[in-house]
Each structure stands twice: as C-alpha cells, then as structure tokens.
C-alpha atoms as a PDB file:
ATOM      1  CA  UNK A   1     -28.788   9.217  10.074  1.00  0.00           C
ATOM      2  CA  UNK A   2     -26.804   9.774   6.875  1.00  0.00           C
ATOM      3  CA  UNK A   3     -23.039  10.221   7.173  1.00  0.00           C
ATOM      4  CA  UNK A   4     -21.934  13.742   6.442  1.00  0.00           C
ATOM      5  CA  UNK A   5     -18.877  14.607   4.393  1.00  0.00           C
ATOM      6  CA  UNK A   6     -16.005  15.895   6.523  1.00  0.00           C
ATOM      7  CA  UNK A   7     -13.063  15.018   4.265  1.00  0.00           C
ATOM      8  CA  UNK A   8     -12.277  15.652   0.610  1.00  0.00           C
ATOM      9  CA  UNK A   9      -9.687  13.428  -1.044  1.00  0.00           C
ATOM     10  CA  UNK A  10      -8.298  14.637  -4.350  1.00  0.00           C
ATOM     11  CA  UNK A  11      -6.702  11.702  -6.178  1.00  0.00           C
ATOM     12  CA  UNK A  12      -4.852  11.908  -9.481  1.00  0.00           C
ATOM     13  CA  UNK A  13      -4.764   8.491 -11.151  1.00  0.00           C
ATOM     14  CA  UNK A  14      -4.048   7.071 -14.588  1.00  0.00           C
ATOM     15  CA  UNK A  15      -7.026   7.064 -16.934  1.00  0.00           C
ATOM     16  CA  UNK A  16      -6.718   3.290 -17.382  1.00  0.00           C
ATOM     17  CA  UNK A  17      -7.294   2.761 -13.622  1.00  0.00           C
ATOM     18  CA  UNK A  18     -10.425   4.937 -13.514  1.00  0.00           C
ATOM     19  CA  UNK A  19     -13.102   2.263 -13.867  1.00  0.00           C
ATOM     20  CA  UNK A  20     -11.706  -0.138 -11.269  1.00  0.00           C
ATOM     21  CA  UNK A  21     -10.898   2.704  -8.830  1.00  0.00           C
ATOM     22  CA  UNK A  22     -14.409   4.156  -9.180  1.00  0.00           C
ATOM     23  CA  UNK A  23     -15.997   0.776  -8.440  1.00  0.00           C
ATOM     24  CA  UNK A  24     -13.717   0.201  -5.429  1.00  0.00           C
ATOM     25  CA  UNK A  25     -14.539   3.642  -3.999  1.00  0.00           C
ATOM     26  CA  UNK A  26     -18.280   3.166  -4.533  1.00  0.00           C
ATOM     27  CA  UNK A  27     -18.067  -0.090  -2.541  1.00  0.00           C
ATOM     28  CA  UNK A  28     -16.579   1.937   0.337  1.00  0.00           C
ATOM     29  CA  UNK A  29     -19.564   4.300   0.116  1.00  0.00           C
ATOM     30  CA  UNK A  30     -17.646   7.327  -1.141  1.00  0.00           C
ATOM     31  CA  UNK A  31     -19.308  10.138  -3.066  1.00  0.00           C
ATOM     32  CA  UNK A  32     -17.154  10.978  -6.046  1.00  0.00           C
ATOM     33  CA  UNK A  33     -16.798  13.031  -9.167  1.00  0.00           C
ATOM     34  CA  UNK A  34     -14.048  12.710 -11.732  1.00  0.00           C
ATOM     35  CA  UNK A  35     -12.445  15.225 -14.039  1.00  0.00           C
ATOM     36  CA  UNK A  36     -10.302  14.439 -17.060  1.00  0.00           C
ATOM     37  CA  UNK A  37      -6.785  15.793 -16.703  1.00  0.00           C
ATOM     38  CA  UNK A  38      -3.342  15.406 -18.252  1.00  0.00           C
ATOM     39  CA  UNK A  39       0.031  14.787 -16.642  1.00  0.00           C
ATOM     40  CA  UNK A  40       2.727  17.424 -17.006  1.00  0.00           C
ATOM     41  CA  UNK A  41       5.755  15.132 -17.276  1.00  0.00           C
ATOM     42  CA  UNK A  42       4.599  12.577 -19.857  1.00  0.00           C
ATOM     43  CA  UNK A  43       1.505  14.438 -21.058  1.00  0.00           C
ATOM     44  CA  UNK A  44      -0.621  11.313 -20.595  1.00  0.00           C
ATOM     45  CA  UNK A  45      -4.325  11.308 -19.826  1.00  0.00           C
ATOM     46  CA  UNK A  46      -5.175  11.155 -16.138  1.00  0.00           C
ATOM     47  CA  UNK A  47      -8.321  11.319 -14.079  1.00  0.00           C
ATOM     48  CA  UNK A  48      -8.650  13.583 -11.061  1.00  0.00           C
ATOM     49  CA  UNK A  49     -11.128  12.182  -8.542  1.00  0.00           C
ATOM     50  CA  UNK A  50     -12.911  14.389  -6.011  1.00  0.00           C
ATOM     51  CA  UNK A  51     -13.899  12.014  -3.212  1.00  0.00           C
ATOM     52  CA  UNK A  52     -16.174  13.098  -0.374  1.00  0.00           C
ATOM     53  CA  UNK A  53     -16.065  11.005   2.804  1.00  0.00           C
ATOM     54  CA  UNK A  54     -16.830  10.931   6.473  1.00  0.00           C
ATOM     55  CA  UNK A  55     -13.474  11.001   8.312  1.00  0.00           C
ATOM     56  CA  UNK A  56     -13.815   7.406   9.523  1.00  0.00           C
ATOM     57  CA  UNK A  57     -13.818   6.083   5.925  1.00  0.00           C
ATOM     58  CA  UNK A  58     -10.489   7.684   4.936  1.00  0.00           C
ATOM     59  CA  UNK A  59      -8.408   4.554   5.545  1.00  0.00           C
ATOM     60  CA  UNK A  60     -10.835   2.360   3.574  1.00  0.00           C
ATOM     61  CA  UNK A  61     -10.807   4.783   0.649  1.00  0.00           C
ATOM     62  CA  UNK A  62      -6.997   4.939   0.621  1.00  0.00           C
ATOM     63  CA  UNK A  63      -6.812   1.127   0.626  1.00  0.00           C
ATOM     64  CA  UNK A  64      -9.320   1.012  -2.258  1.00  0.00           C
ATOM     65  CA  UNK A  65      -7.137   3.418  -4.261  1.00  0.00           C
ATOM     66  CA  UNK A  66      -3.967   1.507  -3.386  1.00  0.00           C
ATOM     67  CA  UNK A  67      -5.433  -1.795  -4.567  1.00  0.00           C
ATOM     68  CA  UNK A  68      -6.907  -0.417  -7.796  1.00  0.00           C
ATOM     69  CA  UNK A  69      -4.250   2.067  -8.984  1.00  0.00           C
ATOM     70  CA  UNK A  70      -1.059   0.211  -9.747  1.00  0.00           C
ATOM     71  CA  UNK A  71       2.322   1.499 -10.799  1.00  0.00           C
ATOM     72  CA  UNK A  72       3.735   0.416 -14.153  1.00  0.00           C
ATOM     73  CA  UNK A  73       7.076   0.674 -15.912  1.00  0.00           C
ATOM     74  CA  UNK A  74       6.865   2.366 -19.319  1.00  0.00           C
ATOM     75  CA  UNK A  75       9.683   3.279 -21.665  1.00  0.00           C
ATOM     76  CA  UNK A  76      10.359   6.759 -23.025  1.00  0.00           C
ATOM     77  CA  UNK A  77      12.818   7.378 -25.807  1.00  0.00           C
ATOM     78  CA  UNK A  78      15.387  10.087 -25.141  1.00  0.00           C
ATOM     79  CA  UNK A  79      18.296  11.127 -27.365  1.00  0.00           C
ATOM     80  CA  UNK A  80      21.708   9.913 -26.200  1.00  0.00           C
ATOM     81  CA  UNK A  81      23.786  12.741 -24.782  1.00  0.00           C
ATOM     82  CA  UNK A  82      26.960  13.438 -26.784  1.00  0.00           C
ATOM     83  CA  UNK A  83      25.872  11.259 -29.709  1.00  0.00           C
ATOM     84  CA  UNK A  84      26.478  12.740 -33.198  1.00  0.00           C
ATOM     85  CA  UNK A  85      23.122  11.311 -34.307  1.00  0.00           C
ATOM     86  CA  UNK A  86      20.010  11.692 -32.176  1.00  0.00           C
ATOM     87  CA  UNK A  87      19.559   7.958 -31.614  1.00  0.00           C
ATOM     88  CA  UNK A  88      16.742   7.453 -29.125  1.00  0.00           C
ATOM     89  CA  UNK A  89      17.547   5.311 -26.114  1.00  0.00           C
ATOM     90  CA  UNK A  90      14.601   3.736 -24.238  1.00  0.00           C
ATOM     91  CA  UNK A  91      14.566   4.824 -20.605  1.00  0.00           C
ATOM     92  CA  UNK A  92      12.338   3.094 -18.010  1.00  0.00           C
ATOM     93  CA  UNK A  93       9.931   5.442 -16.225  1.00  0.00           C
ATOM     94  CA  UNK A  94       7.620   4.465 -13.354  1.00  0.00           C
ATOM     95  CA  UNK A  95       4.079   5.729 -13.946  1.00  0.00           C
ATOM     96  CA  UNK A  96       0.774   5.155 -12.254  1.00  0.00           C
ATOM     97  CA  UNK A  97      -0.331   4.684  -8.729  1.00  0.00           C
ATOM     98  CA  UNK A  98      -2.274   7.504  -7.150  1.00  0.00           C
ATOM     99  CA  UNK A  99      -1.296  10.927  -5.872  1.00  0.00           C
ATOM    100  CA  UNK A 100      -3.723  11.787  -3.072  1.00  0.00           C
ATOM    101  CA  UNK A 101      -4.374  15.029  -1.181  1.00  0.00           C
ATOM    102  CA  UNK A 102      -6.642  15.045   1.891  1.00  0.00           C
ATOM    103  CA  UNK A 103      -8.473  18.243   2.817  1.00  0.00           C
ATOM    104  CA  UNK A 104     -10.783  18.801   5.785  1.00  0.00           C
ATOM    105  CA  UNK A 105     -14.305  19.947   4.877  1.00  0.00           C
ATOM    106  CA  UNK A 106     -15.687  22.623   7.196  1.00  0.00           C
ATOM    107  CA  UNK A 107     -19.077  22.838   5.506  1.00  0.00           C
ATOM    108  CA  UNK A 108     -20.941  20.527   3.125  1.00  0.00           C
ATOM    109  CA  UNK A 109     -24.320  21.099   1.515  1.00  0.00           C
ATOM    110  CA  UNK A 110     -26.098  19.140  -1.165  1.00  0.00           C
ATOM    111  CA  UNK A 111     -28.636  21.388  -2.886  1.00  0.00           C
END
C-alpha cells in the first residue's frame, strides 16, 4: 500500500542549496515541487519547496534539509552613520539555512 500524504512542508532555501536538498529529500521518499522565489531582505534568489510527506517521514525530511541547507556569512556594504561621505562599511550577515513551515493535509488527491 502506497503511503499517503498527510503533511505539507514548505521550505524556503537558498537557490545554491536547491540541487543537494532536492536529492536528499528524494532519498527520503518525499514528493516535492519547487518554485523560484526571492528574499525580501537581501533580494537574493531563493527556492520555495513544497514537500508532501506521510507524517512519519517528517523528522527524516527535516534532517535532510538541515544537512543540505547550510548557513553562510556574507558581507553587505552599508553607509557609515554620521560620516560626511557615504563610505560603505562591510557588515557580516548570516544567510542560508532553511525556513520550514509544516501544515497538516486533510485531503490529498493525485489526478
């Protein structure tokens, strides 16, 4: 009997982690679709994954995302406050990882 989908994970990841995350989730047996998206803070390209799972595979899927979506330090240049000339100062910003939402699925049909 085929496992039914009872959980939808929505994961926002960095575009550069997409390939490795997709492979890791496929190894878990997750059904997934990805959408291109963009981050609001840095305006960088992201991928939003829609991941369908039976409830018992949630922990495996989260571990797959955790191991394949790493955080990185990148530098943004911001003008120095109070400076007569807008000299940019590099500021470290943590980006990456995965932001995951878990939603219960009441009904699933594949037509």
